[in-house]
């Protein structure tokens, strides 16, 4: 029997249509246990638990495409990423390499992009769909975060909020390539042009990836641009800082974004670390591949037993 150290967390996710739009094209997922079988259901309300041996998965997706197309796109992103983690779970939890995790996250996004593009080709009404996403896998005492576009992840630690993702925007690309400095201003809101989008691009996407050690009292915040597009980081920090009960910060973020205009859909998800270094029994660390085989064997034995009883009964009566 092996043991590993884990964390106890509390997770809250909320999404709001906002003041202006009629449809919510955001979506999110809280999956406490990625493992196959019991406990793998997704939760959309506040949940508190010790992260199991397989880890937990959180996803925040922001689609664009208009009304029902956007809603469908966001859901497709969620389901595709969730399915990729299910399929790659054994491979994922068998490795201790951050490089392997990075490669896995890249493949998750690549598969999701392919899935969206196939759906696009089959449904003409979905022309122009696209999505940004930020997703996180909590495993042992670390959190692995991947993102594409301008959906963000923040870390609130020691009374300070820090942006730990970097938006895939034209402005950031130009800064990285030395074509722009912080004193320059892009015109026509070009700083908001997203350069990496799921479902739109055929070429290989450049996913962002970051790893963070989880400490007690840390708060990880995942949001769509319906939050950070309406609020400064200082305003976001204030909502998280003055959280009186877990989940209160999320509600404050949504209310504040709506008070400031609510021009976009608003989604926020928080993961608060309640305890660290929790010893976790890992005897059930990986899903058992032979579960189906065992069921088949048991069924076969039962059937043979029934046949034997029938033959015995027939022989006895004749």
Protein backbone atom coordinates (compact mmCIF):
# COMPACT_ATOMS: atom_id res chain seq x y z
CA UNK A 1 0.00 0.00 0.00
CA UNK A 2 1.50 3.33 -1.06
CA UNK A 3 0.87 6.81 0.24
CA UNK A 4 1.18 10.26 -1.26
CA UNK A 5 0.70 13.76 0.07
CA UNK A 6 -2.31 15.69 -1.15
CA UNK A 7 -4.26 18.84 -0.28
CA UNK A 8 -7.70 19.61 1.06
CA UNK A 9 -9.45 22.23 -1.03
CA UNK A 10 -12.74 24.04 -1.44
CA UNK A 11 -13.92 24.91 -4.93
CA UNK A 12 -16.66 27.29 -6.05
CA UNK A 13 -17.74 28.09 -9.59
CA UNK A 14 -20.38 30.52 -10.83
CA UNK A 15 -21.36 31.84 -14.25
CA UNK A 16 -23.61 34.74 -15.17
CA UNK A 17 -25.03 35.98 -18.47
CA UNK A 18 -24.22 39.58 -17.59
CA UNK A 19 -26.38 42.65 -18.08
CA UNK A 20 -26.21 43.09 -21.87
CA UNK A 21 -26.17 39.67 -23.52
CA UNK A 22 -29.15 37.34 -23.76
CA UNK A 23 -27.19 34.07 -23.87
CA UNK A 24 -24.36 32.72 -21.75
CA UNK A 25 -21.53 31.50 -23.97
CA UNK A 26 -19.28 30.71 -20.99
CA UNK A 27 -19.10 27.32 -19.32
CA UNK A 28 -17.14 25.73 -16.50
CA UNK A 29 -16.51 22.34 -14.94
CA UNK A 30 -15.50 21.16 -11.48
CA UNK A 31 -14.50 17.50 -11.52
CA UNK A 32 -13.32 16.49 -8.01
CA UNK A 33 -12.21 12.98 -9.02
CA UNK A 34 -10.94 12.34 -12.54
CA UNK A 35 -10.75 8.63 -11.80
CA UNK A 36 -13.04 6.26 -13.65
CA UNK A 37 -16.11 5.00 -11.86
CA UNK A 38 -17.71 6.40 -8.73
CA UNK A 39 -16.89 9.93 -7.66
CA UNK A 40 -16.11 11.16 -11.15
CA UNK A 41 -19.23 13.28 -11.49
CA UNK A 42 -18.82 16.95 -12.19
CA UNK A 43 -20.02 19.44 -9.60
CA UNK A 44 -21.33 22.92 -10.29
CA UNK A 45 -21.77 24.10 -6.71
CA UNK A 46 -19.47 24.63 -3.74
CA UNK A 47 -17.59 21.47 -2.82
CA UNK A 48 -14.96 20.73 -0.17
CA UNK A 49 -12.79 17.62 -0.26
CA UNK A 50 -9.32 16.06 -0.11
CA UNK A 51 -7.97 15.77 -3.66
CA UNK A 52 -7.98 12.04 -4.54
CA UNK A 53 -5.08 10.06 -5.95
CA UNK A 54 -6.00 10.69 -9.60
CA UNK A 55 -6.34 14.42 -9.08
CA UNK A 56 -9.07 16.96 -9.82
CA UNK A 57 -9.89 18.89 -12.98
CA UNK A 58 -11.23 22.44 -13.36
CA UNK A 59 -12.12 24.06 -16.68
CA UNK A 60 -13.34 27.55 -17.59
CA UNK A 61 -14.26 28.12 -21.26
CA UNK A 62 -15.32 31.29 -23.06
CA UNK A 63 -16.87 30.78 -26.50
CA UNK A 64 -17.68 33.21 -29.25
CA UNK A 65 -19.97 32.47 -32.12
CA UNK A 66 -23.28 33.92 -31.13
CA UNK A 67 -26.17 32.60 -29.04
CA UNK A 68 -26.69 28.85 -29.27
CA UNK A 69 -23.51 28.34 -31.32
CA UNK A 70 -21.45 29.87 -28.53
CA UNK A 71 -23.17 27.82 -25.84
CA UNK A 72 -22.59 24.64 -27.84
CA UNK A 73 -18.94 25.53 -28.45
CA UNK A 74 -18.20 26.11 -24.77
CA UNK A 75 -19.79 22.80 -23.86
CA UNK A 76 -17.82 20.99 -26.57
CA UNK A 77 -14.59 22.41 -25.18
CA UNK A 78 -15.48 21.21 -21.67
CA UNK A 79 -16.43 17.72 -22.80
CA UNK A 80 -13.40 17.30 -25.07
CA UNK A 81 -10.89 18.26 -22.37
CA UNK A 82 -12.68 16.12 -19.81
CA UNK A 83 -12.59 13.12 -22.15
CA UNK A 84 -8.89 13.62 -22.90
CA UNK A 85 -8.06 13.50 -19.20
CA UNK A 86 -10.12 10.34 -18.77
CA UNK A 87 -8.37 8.64 -21.66
CA UNK A 88 -4.88 9.70 -20.64
CA UNK A 89 -5.26 9.20 -16.91
CA UNK A 90 -3.06 6.13 -16.55
CA UNK A 91 -0.29 7.70 -18.62
CA UNK A 92 -0.64 10.99 -16.77
CA UNK A 93 -0.49 9.67 -13.20
CA UNK A 94 2.30 7.22 -14.01
CA UNK A 95 4.72 10.04 -14.81
CA UNK A 96 6.53 12.43 -12.49
CA UNK A 97 7.84 14.65 -15.27
CA UNK A 98 6.57 18.20 -15.69
CA UNK A 99 7.76 18.00 -19.29
CA UNK A 100 5.46 15.01 -19.83
CA UNK A 101 2.59 16.93 -18.27
CA UNK A 102 3.28 19.89 -20.57
CA UNK A 103 3.22 17.59 -23.61
CA UNK A 104 -0.02 16.03 -22.38
CA UNK A 105 -1.64 19.45 -21.97
CA UNK A 106 -0.54 20.37 -25.48
CA UNK A 107 -2.16 17.20 -26.83
CA UNK A 108 -5.35 17.93 -24.88
CA UNK A 109 -5.66 21.32 -26.59
CA UNK A 110 -4.72 19.89 -29.98
CA UNK A 111 -7.45 17.22 -29.71
CA UNK A 112 -9.97 19.80 -28.51
CA UNK A 113 -9.16 22.05 -31.46
CA UNK A 114 -9.56 19.15 -33.90
CA UNK A 115 -12.90 18.22 -32.33
CA UNK A 116 -14.21 21.76 -32.73
CA UNK A 117 -13.04 22.00 -36.34
CA UNK A 118 -14.73 18.71 -37.25
CA UNK A 119 -17.96 19.96 -35.66
CA UNK A 120 -17.58 23.24 -37.55
CA UNK A 121 -17.35 21.46 -40.90
CA UNK A 122 -20.46 19.40 -40.17
CA UNK A 123 -22.61 22.32 -39.00
CA UNK A 124 -22.78 25.42 -41.19
CA UNK A 125 -24.58 27.34 -38.46
CA UNK A 126 -21.43 27.13 -36.36
CA UNK A 127 -19.25 29.03 -38.84
CA UNK A 128 -16.99 31.45 -37.00
CA UNK A 129 -17.08 29.68 -33.67
CA UNK A 130 -14.06 29.89 -31.42
CA UNK A 131 -13.18 29.63 -27.75
CA UNK A 132 -10.61 30.51 -25.14
CA UNK A 133 -9.99 28.23 -22.20
CA UNK A 134 -8.08 27.89 -18.94
CA UNK A 135 -7.94 24.51 -17.22
CA UNK A 136 -6.16 23.09 -14.21
CA UNK A 137 -5.22 19.65 -12.95
CA UNK A 138 -4.60 19.37 -9.20
CA UNK A 139 -2.35 16.38 -8.49
CA UNK A 140 -0.63 15.58 -5.20
CA UNK A 141 0.41 18.99 -3.85
CA UNK A 142 0.72 20.87 -7.15
CA UNK A 143 -1.58 22.52 -9.63
CA UNK A 144 -0.84 22.35 -13.37
CA UNK A 145 -2.51 25.07 -15.43
CA UNK A 146 -2.94 25.30 -19.19
CA UNK A 147 -4.59 28.06 -21.16
CA UNK A 148 -5.29 29.39 -24.61
CA UNK A 149 -6.50 32.88 -25.43
CA UNK A 150 -7.36 35.37 -22.70
CA UNK A 151 -9.15 33.27 -20.10
CA UNK A 152 -6.98 33.75 -17.01
CA UNK A 153 -5.67 32.21 -13.81
CA UNK A 154 -4.65 34.25 -10.76
CA UNK A 155 -3.00 33.27 -7.49
CA UNK A 156 -3.91 35.04 -4.26
CA UNK A 157 -1.11 34.39 -1.76
CA UNK A 158 0.13 36.37 1.24
CA UNK A 159 -2.51 39.07 0.68
CA UNK A 160 -1.39 39.68 -2.89
CA UNK A 161 -3.06 38.79 -6.20
CA UNK A 162 -0.74 37.72 -9.01
CA UNK A 163 -1.66 36.97 -12.62
CA UNK A 164 0.02 33.62 -13.38
CA UNK A 165 -1.12 33.25 -17.00
CA UNK A 166 -0.28 35.49 -19.94
CA UNK A 167 -2.99 36.43 -22.43
CA UNK A 168 -2.49 35.30 -26.01
CA UNK A 169 -3.05 38.73 -27.53
CA UNK A 170 -1.45 40.76 -30.29
CA UNK A 171 -0.05 43.18 -27.72
CA UNK A 172 1.73 40.45 -25.74
CA UNK A 173 3.09 38.86 -28.91
CA UNK A 174 4.53 42.17 -30.05
CA UNK A 175 6.06 42.77 -26.63
CA UNK A 176 7.63 39.30 -26.68
CA UNK A 177 9.08 39.91 -30.15
CA UNK A 178 10.46 43.33 -29.25
CA UNK A 179 8.07 45.13 -31.59
CA UNK A 180 6.43 47.07 -28.80
CA UNK A 181 7.40 48.46 -25.43
CA UNK A 182 5.19 49.20 -22.47
CA UNK A 183 5.11 52.91 -23.32
CA UNK A 184 3.58 52.31 -26.75
CA UNK A 185 -0.16 52.23 -27.34
CA UNK A 186 -1.82 50.04 -29.94
CA UNK A 187 -4.62 51.76 -31.81
CA UNK A 188 -8.15 50.55 -32.56
CA UNK A 189 -8.16 48.27 -29.49
CA UNK A 190 -5.64 45.98 -31.16
CA UNK A 191 -4.36 45.00 -27.73
CA UNK A 192 -7.57 42.96 -27.37
CA UNK A 193 -7.00 40.91 -30.54
CA UNK A 194 -6.72 37.27 -29.44
CA UNK A 195 -4.03 35.38 -31.34
CA UNK A 196 -4.75 31.84 -30.11
CA UNK A 197 -8.30 30.47 -30.39
CA UNK A 198 -9.76 26.99 -30.27
CA UNK A 199 -11.74 25.99 -33.35
CA UNK A 200 -10.53 28.82 -35.56
CA UNK A 201 -6.93 28.00 -36.35
CA UNK A 202 -5.68 25.03 -38.32
CA UNK A 203 -2.04 25.45 -37.39
CA UNK A 204 -0.57 24.11 -34.16
CA UNK A 205 -1.69 26.14 -31.20
CA UNK A 206 0.78 27.46 -28.63
CA UNK A 207 -0.68 26.58 -25.27
CA UNK A 208 0.40 28.37 -22.13
CA UNK A 209 1.49 26.14 -19.25
CA UNK A 210 2.48 26.85 -15.66
CA UNK A 211 3.01 24.80 -12.48
CA UNK A 212 2.46 26.00 -8.92
CA UNK A 213 3.11 24.41 -5.53
CA UNK A 214 -0.09 24.61 -3.47
CA UNK A 215 0.28 26.13 0.00
CA UNK A 216 -2.33 26.40 2.73
CA UNK A 217 -4.47 29.57 2.43
CA UNK A 218 -3.65 29.93 -1.28
CA UNK A 219 -6.55 30.86 -3.54
CA UNK A 220 -6.46 30.11 -7.26
CA UNK A 221 -8.89 32.11 -9.36
CA UNK A 222 -9.93 31.20 -12.92
CA UNK A 223 -11.93 33.76 -14.91
CA UNK A 224 -13.14 34.68 -18.39
CA UNK A 225 -12.65 38.16 -19.81
CA UNK A 226 -16.11 39.03 -18.57
CA UNK A 227 -14.31 39.54 -15.25
CA UNK A 228 -10.90 40.99 -16.11
CA UNK A 229 -12.31 42.93 -19.09
CA UNK A 230 -14.54 44.89 -16.73
CA UNK A 231 -12.30 45.09 -13.66
CA UNK A 232 -8.72 46.00 -12.86
CA UNK A 233 -6.53 43.46 -11.08
CA UNK A 234 -6.74 45.68 -7.98
CA UNK A 235 -10.54 45.47 -8.02
CA UNK A 236 -10.36 41.71 -8.48
CA UNK A 237 -7.91 41.46 -5.58
CA UNK A 238 -10.25 43.43 -3.33
CA UNK A 239 -13.12 41.01 -3.97
CA UNK A 240 -10.93 38.01 -3.14
CA UNK A 241 -9.27 39.73 -0.17
CA UNK A 242 -12.54 40.62 1.55
CA UNK A 243 -14.07 37.18 1.12
CA UNK A 244 -15.83 36.43 4.40
CA UNK A 245 -17.00 32.93 3.50
CA UNK A 246 -15.75 30.63 0.76
CA UNK A 247 -17.64 31.47 -2.41
CA UNK A 248 -18.38 35.01 -1.33
CA UNK A 249 -15.48 36.30 -3.42
CA UNK A 250 -16.88 34.68 -6.57
CA UNK A 251 -20.28 36.25 -6.02
CA UNK A 252 -18.66 39.64 -5.40
CA UNK A 253 -16.67 39.38 -8.63
CA UNK A 254 -19.80 38.70 -10.67
CA UNK A 255 -21.76 41.46 -8.95
CA UNK A 256 -18.92 43.97 -9.41
CA UNK A 257 -18.53 43.10 -13.11
CA UNK A 258 -22.28 43.57 -13.60
CA UNK A 259 -22.24 46.86 -11.69
CA UNK A 260 -19.52 48.09 -14.04
CA UNK A 261 -21.65 47.33 -17.09
CA UNK A 262 -21.75 43.55 -17.45
CA UNK A 263 -21.11 43.78 -21.19
CA UNK A 264 -19.95 40.17 -21.45
CA UNK A 265 -20.75 36.81 -19.90
CA UNK A 266 -19.05 36.45 -16.51
CA UNK A 267 -17.52 33.27 -15.12
CA UNK A 268 -15.32 32.80 -12.07
CA UNK A 269 -14.04 29.70 -10.30
CA UNK A 270 -11.97 29.66 -7.11
CA UNK A 271 -9.90 26.87 -5.58
CA UNK A 272 -8.98 27.55 -1.95
CA UNK A 273 -6.31 25.44 -0.21
CA UNK A 274 -7.58 24.55 3.27
CA UNK A 275 -4.90 22.04 4.28
CA UNK A 276 -1.60 20.87 2.82
CA UNK A 277 0.51 17.73 3.29
CA UNK A 278 -2.57 15.55 3.78
CA UNK A 279 -1.51 11.89 3.67
CA UNK A 280 -3.54 10.05 1.06
CA UNK A 281 -3.80 6.29 0.74
CA UNK A 282 -3.03 5.50 -2.90
CA UNK A 283 -4.06 1.84 -2.97
CA UNK A 284 -6.73 2.90 -5.48
CA UNK A 285 -4.42 5.34 -7.25
CA UNK A 286 -5.11 4.16 -10.79
CA UNK A 287 -8.23 2.83 -12.47
CA UNK A 288 -8.18 -0.93 -12.82
CA UNK A 289 -7.96 -2.02 -16.43
CA UNK A 290 -9.24 -5.51 -15.65
CA UNK A 291 -12.57 -4.41 -14.13
CA UNK A 292 -14.51 -5.42 -17.25
CA UNK A 293 -12.67 -8.74 -17.45
CA UNK A 294 -13.59 -9.52 -13.86
CA UNK A 295 -17.23 -8.73 -14.55
CA UNK A 296 -17.22 -11.03 -17.58
CA UNK A 297 -15.67 -13.85 -15.56
CA UNK A 298 -18.21 -13.46 -12.75
CA UNK A 299 -21.08 -13.38 -15.25
CA UNK A 300 -19.76 -16.50 -17.00
CA UNK A 301 -19.45 -18.38 -13.71
CA UNK A 302 -23.01 -17.45 -12.74
CA UNK A 303 -24.38 -18.55 -16.12
CA UNK A 304 -22.53 -21.89 -15.94
CA UNK A 305 -23.80 -22.42 -12.42
CA UNK A 306 -27.38 -21.82 -13.54
CA UNK A 307 -26.97 -24.22 -16.50
CA UNK A 308 -25.51 -26.87 -14.19
CA UNK A 309 -28.42 -26.52 -11.81
CA UNK A 310 -30.91 -26.83 -14.67
CA UNK A 311 -29.20 -29.94 -16.01
CA UNK A 312 -29.16 -31.46 -12.53
CA UNK A 313 -32.87 -30.68 -12.11
CA UNK A 314 -33.73 -32.16 -15.52
CA UNK A 315 -31.73 -35.31 -14.78
CA UNK A 316 -33.39 -35.69 -11.41
CA UNK A 317 -36.94 -35.39 -12.82
CA UNK A 318 -36.37 -37.73 -15.78
